[in-house]
Amino acid sequence: MIDTGQVYHATYTIKNQASPPATAALVITLPDGTSTSPAVGTGAASGADWVIAYDYTTVQAGLHKTAWQTTVPGTAATDYFNVRDFRSILSLAEGKLHLTGGDISKWTADDDELRNFLAAVTEAVESKVGPCVRRTVTQRVAASSGCQIVLTQAPVISVTSVTSVWAGGPSWTGASLVLDTDAGIVTTQLGAVPFYYGPWDVVHTVGRVIVAERYIHASKELLRHLWETQRGQLESGPLSVSSGETFTTSAGWAFSIPNRVLEMLADDMTPAI
């Protein structure tokens, strides 16, 4: 997993090449469509091959594209890498402790993979009950009932501004707005000018100040369920040591979210939009 701001180590190998190519170029296309073409240097020999490398400091979250090209010899290759804006209801330590139930100090080899699972677990839980991890978002709203705008993500912690998308259009800031945090409904203050000249861009902060314990436990149980695919087939476990019984489990369940997880989230599930 690569977090925003982390260095991505881009490498390109020319097989059976003992000397540098005449030219080497790398183009990195960012998620917003812009691109950068850094000076990558000539590289160095690695056994029978020639390897060119470049360390790129990431600045955006999302899917990046790398395009290498050399001349003499004429080669080219395209690849992709993801940069994540990591969000998780659970800490890495909480996840490890729930999976092992014991000493986690020496378990570090799977940290990157486990963080991927934690992010997926958070997305799954939030898809059922709405945002849990605090973050600022901008939503474009096309229509309102005059004094009210209904946001698609709730709960909402705060609203910064509501601004018409048209040049010179009106805007409303926190002092002139009333927010229903649970429903995600923004209303103008009594006596304030109602929303007009839409659509509007609404800058607001979603998430929860306190994440309910049942959400945390649901996240732990979902992590444990999904992580079974990493364990493989367990033919014997602690039960066989103490009682002669054998504990078995199979990886690759036919469902992603167990009923026990859904039951803990059921009271707060929101309809899909």
C-alpha atoms as a PDB file:
ATOM      1  CA  MET A   1       0.000   0.000   0.000  1.00  0.00           C
ATOM      2  CA  ILE A   2       1.260   3.448  -0.929  1.00  0.00           C
ATOM      3  CA  ASP A   3      -0.095   6.405   1.035  1.00  0.00           C
ATOM      4  CA  THR A   4      -0.290   9.929  -0.332  1.00  0.00           C
ATOM      5  CA  GLY A   5       3.107  11.555   0.190  1.00  0.00           C
ATOM      6  CA  GLN A   6       4.925   8.229   0.224  1.00  0.00           C
ATOM      7  CA  VAL A   7       7.641   7.464  -2.349  1.00  0.00           C
ATOM      8  CA  TYR A   8       6.802   5.061  -5.174  1.00  0.00           C
ATOM      9  CA  HIS A   9       9.858   3.190  -6.477  1.00  0.00           C
ATOM     10  CA  ALA A  10       9.390   2.878 -10.245  1.00  0.00           C
ATOM     11  CA  THR A  11      11.698   0.429 -12.008  1.00  0.00           C
ATOM     12  CA  TYR A  12      12.127  -0.724 -15.588  1.00  0.00           C
ATOM     13  CA  THR A  13      14.195  -3.731 -16.621  1.00  0.00           C
ATOM     14  CA  ILE A  14      15.610  -4.263 -20.114  1.00  0.00           C
ATOM     15  CA  LYS A  15      16.352  -7.951 -20.438  1.00  0.00           C
ATOM     16  CA  ASN A  16      19.739  -9.151 -21.737  1.00  0.00           C
ATOM     17  CA  GLN A  17      21.043  -5.598 -22.012  1.00  0.00           C
ATOM     18  CA  ALA A  18      24.582  -4.936 -20.788  1.00  0.00           C
ATOM     19  CA  SER A  19      24.779  -1.199 -21.539  1.00  0.00           C
ATOM     20  CA  PRO A  20      22.488   1.811 -21.074  1.00  0.00           C
ATOM     21  CA  PRO A  21      19.944   2.654 -23.773  1.00  0.00           C
ATOM     22  CA  ALA A  22      20.515   5.741 -25.909  1.00  0.00           C
ATOM     23  CA  THR A  23      17.557   7.478 -24.217  1.00  0.00           C
ATOM     24  CA  ALA A  24      15.143   6.595 -21.435  1.00  0.00           C
ATOM     25  CA  ALA A  25      11.932   8.377 -20.550  1.00  0.00           C
ATOM     26  CA  LEU A  26       9.232   7.939 -17.936  1.00  0.00           C
ATOM     27  CA  VAL A  27       5.819   9.606 -17.992  1.00  0.00           C
ATOM     28  CA  ILE A  28       3.658   9.373 -14.864  1.00  0.00           C
ATOM     29  CA  THR A  29      -0.003  10.234 -15.390  1.00  0.00           C
ATOM     30  CA  LEU A  30      -1.756  11.324 -12.209  1.00  0.00           C
ATOM     31  CA  PRO A  31      -5.396  10.610 -11.279  1.00  0.00           C
ATOM     32  CA  ASP A  32      -6.472  14.148 -12.232  1.00  0.00           C
ATOM     33  CA  GLY A  33      -5.135  13.669 -15.777  1.00  0.00           C
ATOM     34  CA  THR A  34      -2.000  15.770 -15.397  1.00  0.00           C
ATOM     35  CA  SER A  35       1.370  14.168 -16.035  1.00  0.00           C
ATOM     36  CA  THR A  36       4.992  14.544 -15.080  1.00  0.00           C
ATOM     37  CA  SER A  37       8.112  13.477 -16.977  1.00  0.00           C
ATOM     38  CA  PRO A  38      11.006  13.263 -14.523  1.00  0.00           C
ATOM     39  CA  ALA A  39      14.640  12.861 -15.491  1.00  0.00           C
ATOM     40  CA  VAL A  40      15.275   9.180 -14.783  1.00  0.00           C
ATOM     41  CA  GLY A  41      18.981   8.864 -15.519  1.00  0.00           C
ATOM     42  CA  THR A  42      20.676   6.030 -17.379  1.00  0.00           C
ATOM     43  CA  GLY A  43      20.333   3.229 -14.818  1.00  0.00           C
ATOM     44  CA  ALA A  44      22.772   0.447 -14.009  1.00  0.00           C
ATOM     45  CA  ALA A  45      23.553  -3.148 -14.869  1.00  0.00           C
ATOM     46  CA  SER A  46      21.972  -5.880 -12.791  1.00  0.00           C
ATOM     47  CA  GLY A  47      23.415  -9.231 -13.791  1.00  0.00           C
ATOM     48  CA  ALA A  48      22.630  -9.756 -17.471  1.00  0.00           C
ATOM     49  CA  ASP A  49      19.977  -7.017 -17.483  1.00  0.00           C
ATOM     50  CA  TRP A  50      19.878  -3.214 -17.377  1.00  0.00           C
ATOM     51  CA  VAL A  51      17.679  -1.584 -14.724  1.00  0.00           C
ATOM     52  CA  ILE A  52      16.442   2.006 -14.657  1.00  0.00           C
ATOM     53  CA  ALA A  53      14.832   3.317 -11.478  1.00  0.00           C
ATOM     54  CA  TYR A  54      13.163   6.472 -10.262  1.00  0.00           C
ATOM     55  CA  ASP A  55      11.725   7.397  -6.869  1.00  0.00           C
ATOM     56  CA  TYR A  56       8.536   9.423  -7.270  1.00  0.00           C
ATOM     57  CA  THR A  57       7.031  11.250  -4.286  1.00  0.00           C
ATOM     58  CA  THR A  58       3.259  10.903  -4.623  1.00  0.00           C
ATOM     59  CA  VAL A  59       0.999  13.939  -4.255  1.00  0.00           C
ATOM     60  CA  GLN A  60      -2.460  12.575  -5.136  1.00  0.00           C
ATOM     61  CA  ALA A  61      -4.585   9.625  -4.113  1.00  0.00           C
ATOM     62  CA  GLY A  62      -5.900   7.412  -6.898  1.00  0.00           C
ATOM     63  CA  LEU A  63      -4.805   5.290  -9.844  1.00  0.00           C
ATOM     64  CA  HIS A  64      -1.532   6.356 -11.493  1.00  0.00           C
ATOM     65  CA  LYS A  65      -0.164   5.251 -14.845  1.00  0.00           C
ATOM     66  CA  THR A  66       3.526   4.800 -15.646  1.00  0.00           C
ATOM     67  CA  ALA A  67       4.808   4.686 -19.231  1.00  0.00           C
ATOM     68  CA  TRP A  68       8.453   3.823 -19.881  1.00  0.00           C
ATOM     69  CA  GLN A  69      10.127   4.199 -23.273  1.00  0.00           C
ATOM     70  CA  THR A  70      13.702   3.712 -24.446  1.00  0.00           C
ATOM     71  CA  THR A  71      15.591   3.981 -27.711  1.00  0.00           C
ATOM     72  CA  VAL A  72      18.481   1.781 -28.854  1.00  0.00           C
ATOM     73  CA  PRO A  73      17.072  -0.606 -27.929  1.00  0.00           C
ATOM     74  CA  GLY A  74      13.544   0.493 -28.666  1.00  0.00           C
ATOM     75  CA  THR A  75      11.366  -0.721 -25.816  1.00  0.00           C
ATOM     76  CA  ALA A  76       8.225   0.432 -24.018  1.00  0.00           C
ATOM     77  CA  ALA A  77       6.091  -0.705 -21.097  1.00  0.00           C
ATOM     78  CA  THR A  78       3.016   0.581 -19.280  1.00  0.00           C
ATOM     79  CA  ASP A  79       2.003  -0.177 -15.716  1.00  0.00           C
ATOM     80  CA  TYR A  80      -0.276   1.188 -12.986  1.00  0.00           C
ATOM     81  CA  PHE A  81      -0.061   1.776  -9.253  1.00  0.00           C
ATOM     82  CA  ASN A  82      -2.565   2.919  -6.659  1.00  0.00           C
ATOM     83  CA  VAL A  83      -2.008   5.642  -4.094  1.00  0.00           C
ATOM     84  CA  ARG A  84      -4.487   5.520  -1.250  1.00  0.00           C
ATOM     85  CA  ASP A  85      -5.989   8.091   1.041  1.00  0.00           C
ATOM     86  CA  PHE A  86      -6.016   5.542   3.837  1.00  0.00           C
ATOM     87  CA  ARG A  87      -9.064   5.525   6.107  1.00  0.00           C
ATOM     88  CA  SER A  88      -9.855   2.935   8.736  1.00  0.00           C
ATOM     89  CA  ILE A  89     -12.265   2.531  11.636  1.00  0.00           C
ATOM     90  CA  LEU A  90      -9.700   0.251  13.282  1.00  0.00           C
ATOM     91  CA  SER A  91      -6.043   0.832  14.005  1.00  0.00           C
ATOM     92  CA  LEU A  92      -3.517  -1.636  12.655  1.00  0.00           C
ATOM     93  CA  ALA A  93      -2.843  -2.825  16.202  1.00  0.00           C
ATOM     94  CA  GLU A  94      -6.557  -3.374  16.911  1.00  0.00           C
ATOM     95  CA  GLY A  95      -6.895  -5.446  13.763  1.00  0.00           C
ATOM     96  CA  LYS A  96      -3.870  -7.581  14.588  1.00  0.00           C
ATOM     97  CA  LEU A  97      -4.983  -8.148  18.156  1.00  0.00           C
ATOM     98  CA  HIS A  98      -8.423  -9.326  17.041  1.00  0.00           C
ATOM     99  CA  LEU A  99      -6.920 -11.697  14.494  1.00  0.00           C
ATOM    100  CA  THR A 100      -4.347 -13.235  16.835  1.00  0.00           C
ATOM    101  CA  GLY A 101      -5.595 -12.676  20.368  1.00  0.00           C
ATOM    102  CA  GLY A 102      -1.962 -12.629  21.517  1.00  0.00           C
ATOM    103  CA  ASP A 103       1.396 -10.942  21.132  1.00  0.00           C
ATOM    104  CA  ILE A 104       1.437  -8.846  17.958  1.00  0.00           C
ATOM    105  CA  SER A 105       4.858  -7.221  18.412  1.00  0.00           C
ATOM    106  CA  LYS A 106       6.621  -9.585  16.014  1.00  0.00           C
ATOM    107  CA  TRP A 107       3.891  -9.679  13.346  1.00  0.00           C
ATOM    108  CA  THR A 108       4.989  -7.024  10.862  1.00  0.00           C
ATOM    109  CA  ALA A 109       5.435  -8.888   7.556  1.00  0.00           C
ATOM    110  CA  ASP A 110       1.781  -8.475   6.567  1.00  0.00           C
ATOM    111  CA  ASP A 111       1.286  -4.850   7.576  1.00  0.00           C
ATOM    112  CA  ASP A 112       0.718  -3.514   4.047  1.00  0.00           C
ATOM    113  CA  GLU A 113      -1.702  -6.288   3.126  1.00  0.00           C
ATOM    114  CA  LEU A 114      -3.548  -5.913   6.420  1.00  0.00           C
ATOM    115  CA  ARG A 115      -3.935  -2.165   5.863  1.00  0.00           C
ATOM    116  CA  ASN A 116      -5.553  -2.964   2.504  1.00  0.00           C
ATOM    117  CA  PHE A 117      -8.030  -5.191   4.338  1.00  0.00           C
ATOM    118  CA  LEU A 118      -8.702  -2.515   6.968  1.00  0.00           C
ATOM    119  CA  ALA A 119      -9.506   0.010   4.262  1.00  0.00           C
ATOM    120  CA  ALA A 120     -11.858  -2.454   2.539  1.00  0.00           C
ATOM    121  CA  VAL A 121     -13.571  -3.251   5.838  1.00  0.00           C
ATOM    122  CA  THR A 122     -14.124   0.455   6.496  1.00  0.00           C
ATOM    123  CA  GLU A 123     -15.604   0.991   3.033  1.00  0.00           C
ATOM    124  CA  ALA A 124     -17.962  -1.951   3.553  1.00  0.00           C
ATOM    125  CA  VAL A 125     -19.162  -0.770   6.972  1.00  0.00           C
ATOM    126  CA  GLU A 126     -19.574   2.824   5.802  1.00  0.00           C
ATOM    127  CA  SER A 127     -21.583   1.638   2.803  1.00  0.00           C
ATOM    128  CA  LYS A 128     -24.134   0.312   5.309  1.00  0.00           C
ATOM    129  CA  VAL A 129     -24.251   2.994   8.017  1.00  0.00           C
ATOM    130  CA  GLY A 130     -22.748   6.075   6.378  1.00  0.00           C
ATOM    131  CA  PRO A 131     -19.397   7.760   6.993  1.00  0.00           C
ATOM    132  CA  CYS A 132     -17.566   6.914  10.206  1.00  0.00           C
ATOM    133  CA  VAL A 133     -14.091   8.316   9.536  1.00  0.00           C
ATOM    134  CA  ARG A 134     -13.998  12.116   9.532  1.00  0.00           C
ATOM    135  CA  ARG A 135     -13.171  13.770   6.180  1.00  0.00           C
ATOM    136  CA  THR A 136     -14.018  16.881   4.164  1.00  0.00           C
ATOM    137  CA  VAL A 137     -15.941  16.390   0.926  1.00  0.00           C
ATOM    138  CA  THR A 138     -17.521  18.575  -1.747  1.00  0.00           C
ATOM    139  CA  GLN A 139     -20.868  17.550  -3.221  1.00  0.00           C
ATOM    140  CA  ARG A 140     -22.609  19.180  -6.150  1.00  0.00           C
ATOM    141  CA  VAL A 141     -26.334  19.474  -5.509  1.00  0.00           C
ATOM    142  CA  ALA A 142     -28.614  20.127  -8.475  1.00  0.00           C
ATOM    143  CA  ALA A 143     -31.895  20.855  -6.714  1.00  0.00           C
ATOM    144  CA  SER A 144     -33.350  21.999  -3.408  1.00  0.00           C
ATOM    145  CA  SER A 145     -36.724  22.745  -1.889  1.00  0.00           C
ATOM    146  CA  GLY A 146     -35.811  26.412  -1.599  1.00  0.00           C
ATOM    147  CA  CYS A 147     -34.601  26.496   1.986  1.00  0.00           C
ATOM    148  CA  GLN A 148     -33.232  22.964   2.206  1.00  0.00           C
ATOM    149  CA  ILE A 149     -30.465  20.952   0.586  1.00  0.00           C
ATOM    150  CA  VAL A 150     -30.293  17.208   1.209  1.00  0.00           C
ATOM    151  CA  LEU A 151     -26.781  15.754   1.141  1.00  0.00           C
ATOM    152  CA  THR A 152     -26.201  12.177   0.011  1.00  0.00           C
ATOM    153  CA  GLN A 153     -23.761  11.317   2.822  1.00  0.00           C
ATOM    154  CA  ALA A 154     -24.744  11.436   6.477  1.00  0.00           C
ATOM    155  CA  PRO A 155     -24.029  11.933   9.291  1.00  0.00           C
ATOM    156  CA  VAL A 156     -22.516  15.357   8.657  1.00  0.00           C
ATOM    157  CA  ILE A 157     -20.333  17.002  11.289  1.00  0.00           C
ATOM    158  CA  SER A 158     -20.310  20.513   9.840  1.00  0.00           C
ATOM    159  CA  VAL A 159     -20.964  22.554   6.707  1.00  0.00           C
ATOM    160  CA  THR A 160     -18.391  25.099   5.563  1.00  0.00           C
ATOM    161  CA  SER A 161     -20.150  26.681   2.596  1.00  0.00           C
ATOM    162  CA  VAL A 162     -22.830  26.402  -0.070  1.00  0.00           C
ATOM    163  CA  THR A 163     -21.782  28.115  -3.312  1.00  0.00           C
ATOM    164  CA  SER A 164     -23.522  28.510  -6.648  1.00  0.00           C
ATOM    165  CA  VAL A 165     -21.500  26.976  -9.484  1.00  0.00           C
ATOM    166  CA  TRP A 166     -22.171  29.983 -11.713  1.00  0.00           C
ATOM    167  CA  ALA A 167     -19.650  32.814 -11.951  1.00  0.00           C
ATOM    168  CA  GLY A 168     -20.675  35.621  -9.621  1.00  0.00           C
ATOM    169  CA  GLY A 169     -23.372  33.435  -8.070  1.00  0.00           C
ATOM    170  CA  PRO A 170     -24.437  33.606  -4.414  1.00  0.00           C
ATOM    171  CA  SER A 171     -22.876  31.748  -1.535  1.00  0.00           C
ATOM    172  CA  TRP A 172     -23.795  30.926   2.049  1.00  0.00           C
ATOM    173  CA  THR A 173     -21.383  30.206   4.895  1.00  0.00           C
ATOM    174  CA  GLY A 174     -21.686  28.570   8.284  1.00  0.00           C
ATOM    175  CA  ALA A 175     -23.244  31.551  10.056  1.00  0.00           C
ATOM    176  CA  SER A 176     -26.227  31.583   7.695  1.00  0.00           C
ATOM    177  CA  LEU A 177     -26.775  27.813   7.687  1.00  0.00           C
ATOM    178  CA  VAL A 178     -28.529  25.336   9.968  1.00  0.00           C
ATOM    179  CA  LEU A 179     -27.474  21.669   9.817  1.00  0.00           C
ATOM    180  CA  ASP A 180     -29.345  18.513  10.747  1.00  0.00           C
ATOM    181  CA  THR A 181     -26.254  16.394  11.376  1.00  0.00           C
ATOM    182  CA  ASP A 182     -27.941  12.973  11.416  1.00  0.00           C
ATOM    183  CA  ALA A 183     -30.102  13.512   8.323  1.00  0.00           C
ATOM    184  CA  GLY A 184     -27.573  15.551   6.346  1.00  0.00           C
ATOM    185  CA  ILE A 185     -30.068  18.357   5.657  1.00  0.00           C
ATOM    186  CA  VAL A 186     -28.769  21.916   5.266  1.00  0.00           C
ATOM    187  CA  THR A 187     -31.218  24.787   5.820  1.00  0.00           C
ATOM    188  CA  THR A 188     -30.820  28.548   5.654  1.00  0.00           C
ATOM    189  CA  GLN A 189     -31.264  30.477   8.879  1.00  0.00           C
ATOM    190  CA  LEU A 190     -34.646  32.047   9.582  1.00  0.00           C
ATOM    191  CA  GLY A 191     -34.751  35.307   7.658  1.00  0.00           C
ATOM    192  CA  ALA A 192     -31.761  34.430   5.465  1.00  0.00           C
ATOM    193  CA  VAL A 193     -32.025  34.370   1.671  1.00  0.00           C
ATOM    194  CA  PRO A 194     -33.075  30.855   0.552  1.00  0.00           C
ATOM    195  CA  PHE A 195     -30.930  28.848  -1.827  1.00  0.00           C
ATOM    196  CA  TYR A 196     -31.213  30.031  -5.414  1.00  0.00           C
ATOM    197  CA  TYR A 197     -29.256  30.094  -8.684  1.00  0.00           C
ATOM    198  CA  GLY A 198     -28.227  26.432  -8.421  1.00  0.00           C
ATOM    199  CA  PRO A 199     -26.628  23.979  -8.782  1.00  0.00           C
ATOM    200  CA  TRP A 200     -24.443  24.467  -5.703  1.00  0.00           C
ATOM    201  CA  ASP A 201     -21.184  23.042  -4.417  1.00  0.00           C
ATOM    202  CA  VAL A 202     -21.512  22.126  -0.749  1.00  0.00           C
ATOM    203  CA  VAL A 203     -18.272  21.840   1.217  1.00  0.00           C
ATOM    204  CA  HIS A 204     -18.861  19.831   4.360  1.00  0.00           C
ATOM    205  CA  THR A 205     -17.292  17.419   6.826  1.00  0.00           C
ATOM    206  CA  VAL A 206     -18.784  13.940   7.140  1.00  0.00           C
ATOM    207  CA  GLY A 207     -18.138  11.210   9.673  1.00  0.00           C
ATOM    208  CA  ARG A 208     -18.684  10.572  13.344  1.00  0.00           C
ATOM    209  CA  VAL A 209     -17.022  12.189  16.328  1.00  0.00           C
ATOM    210  CA  ILE A 210     -17.561   8.983  18.313  1.00  0.00           C
ATOM    211  CA  VAL A 211     -17.733   5.668  16.450  1.00  0.00           C
ATOM    212  CA  ALA A 212     -20.208   3.308  18.116  1.00  0.00           C
ATOM    213  CA  GLU A 213     -18.740   0.211  19.739  1.00  0.00           C
ATOM    214  CA  ARG A 214     -20.988  -2.023  17.646  1.00  0.00           C
ATOM    215  CA  TYR A 215     -19.462  -0.512  14.480  1.00  0.00           C
ATOM    216  CA  ILE A 216     -15.987  -1.184  15.854  1.00  0.00           C
ATOM    217  CA  HIS A 217     -16.847  -4.772  16.742  1.00  0.00           C
ATOM    218  CA  ALA A 218     -18.575  -5.281  13.385  1.00  0.00           C
ATOM    219  CA  SER A 219     -15.391  -4.050  11.693  1.00  0.00           C
ATOM    220  CA  LYS A 220     -13.286  -6.490  13.712  1.00  0.00           C
ATOM    221  CA  GLU A 221     -15.529  -9.412  12.849  1.00  0.00           C
ATOM    222  CA  LEU A 222     -15.612  -8.461   9.162  1.00  0.00           C
ATOM    223  CA  LEU A 223     -11.817  -8.218   9.144  1.00  0.00           C
ATOM    224  CA  ARG A 224     -11.556 -11.659  10.719  1.00  0.00           C
ATOM    225  CA  HIS A 225     -13.964 -13.093   8.146  1.00  0.00           C
ATOM    226  CA  LEU A 226     -12.156 -11.577   5.148  1.00  0.00           C
ATOM    227  CA  TRP A 227      -8.704 -12.466   6.481  1.00  0.00           C
ATOM    228  CA  GLU A 228      -9.614 -16.177   6.379  1.00  0.00           C
ATOM    229  CA  THR A 229      -8.664 -16.125   2.695  1.00  0.00           C
ATOM    230  CA  GLN A 230      -5.076 -15.411   3.796  1.00  0.00           C
ATOM    231  CA  ARG A 231      -4.915 -18.295   6.246  1.00  0.00           C
ATOM    232  CA  GLY A 232      -5.557 -21.163   3.836  1.00  0.00           C
ATOM    233  CA  GLN A 233      -6.777 -24.500   5.208  1.00  0.00           C
ATOM    234  CA  LEU A 234      -6.264 -24.928   8.927  1.00  0.00           C
ATOM    235  CA  GLU A 235      -6.339 -28.620   9.732  1.00  0.00           C
ATOM    236  CA  SER A 236      -5.690 -28.437  13.441  1.00  0.00           C
ATOM    237  CA  GLY A 237      -5.862 -25.801  16.108  1.00  0.00           C
ATOM    238  CA  PRO A 238      -5.843 -25.186  19.854  1.00  0.00           C
ATOM    239  CA  LEU A 239      -8.856 -27.451  20.440  1.00  0.00           C
ATOM    240  CA  SER A 240      -6.925 -30.519  19.324  1.00  0.00           C
ATOM    241  CA  VAL A 241      -4.227 -29.849  21.926  1.00  0.00           C
ATOM    242  CA  SER A 242      -6.470 -29.729  24.952  1.00  0.00           C
ATOM    243  CA  SER A 243      -9.394 -31.965  24.098  1.00  0.00           C
ATOM    244  CA  GLY A 244      -8.473 -34.167  21.210  1.00  0.00           C
ATOM    245  CA  GLU A 245     -10.885 -32.294  18.954  1.00  0.00           C
ATOM    246  CA  THR A 246      -9.899 -30.910  15.580  1.00  0.00           C
ATOM    247  CA  PHE A 247     -10.775 -27.403  14.435  1.00  0.00           C
ATOM    248  CA  THR A 248     -11.002 -26.877  10.690  1.00  0.00           C
ATOM    249  CA  THR A 249     -11.945 -23.941   8.509  1.00  0.00           C
ATOM    250  CA  SER A 250     -12.036 -23.332   4.795  1.00  0.00           C
ATOM    251  CA  ALA A 251     -10.853 -20.205   3.042  1.00  0.00           C
ATOM    252  CA  GLY A 252     -12.903 -18.580   0.316  1.00  0.00           C
ATOM    253  CA  TRP A 253     -16.410 -18.132   1.677  1.00  0.00           C
ATOM    254  CA  ALA A 254     -19.248 -17.530  -0.782  1.00  0.00           C
ATOM    255  CA  PHE A 255     -20.253 -14.299   0.994  1.00  0.00           C
ATOM    256  CA  SER A 256     -18.286 -11.202   1.949  1.00  0.00           C
ATOM    257  CA  ILE A 257     -20.315  -9.827   4.875  1.00  0.00           C
ATOM    258  CA  PRO A 258     -21.530 -12.358   7.467  1.00  0.00           C
ATOM    259  CA  ASN A 259     -24.948 -12.047   9.081  1.00  0.00           C
ATOM    260  CA  ARG A 260     -23.377 -11.418  12.492  1.00  0.00           C
ATOM    261  CA  VAL A 261     -21.793  -8.255  11.083  1.00  0.00           C
ATOM    262  CA  LEU A 262     -25.011  -7.098   9.410  1.00  0.00           C
ATOM    263  CA  GLU A 263     -26.945  -7.661  12.648  1.00  0.00           C
ATOM    264  CA  MET A 264     -24.680  -5.244  14.519  1.00  0.00           C
ATOM    265  CA  LEU A 265     -25.218  -2.614  11.826  1.00  0.00           C
ATOM    266  CA  ALA A 266     -28.908  -3.287  11.106  1.00  0.00           C
ATOM    267  CA  ASP A 267     -30.451  -0.561  13.278  1.00  0.00           C
ATOM    268  CA  ASP A 268     -28.483   2.171  11.544  1.00  0.00           C
ATOM    269  CA  MET A 269     -28.411   0.975   7.960  1.00  0.00           C
ATOM    270  CA  THR A 270     -29.185   3.651   5.403  1.00  0.00           C
ATOM    271  CA  PRO A 271     -30.849   3.000   2.042  1.00  0.00           C
ATOM    272  CA  ALA A 272     -28.568   3.017  -0.982  1.00  0.00           C
ATOM    273  CA  ILE A 273     -28.668   6.203  -3.063  1.00  0.00           C
END
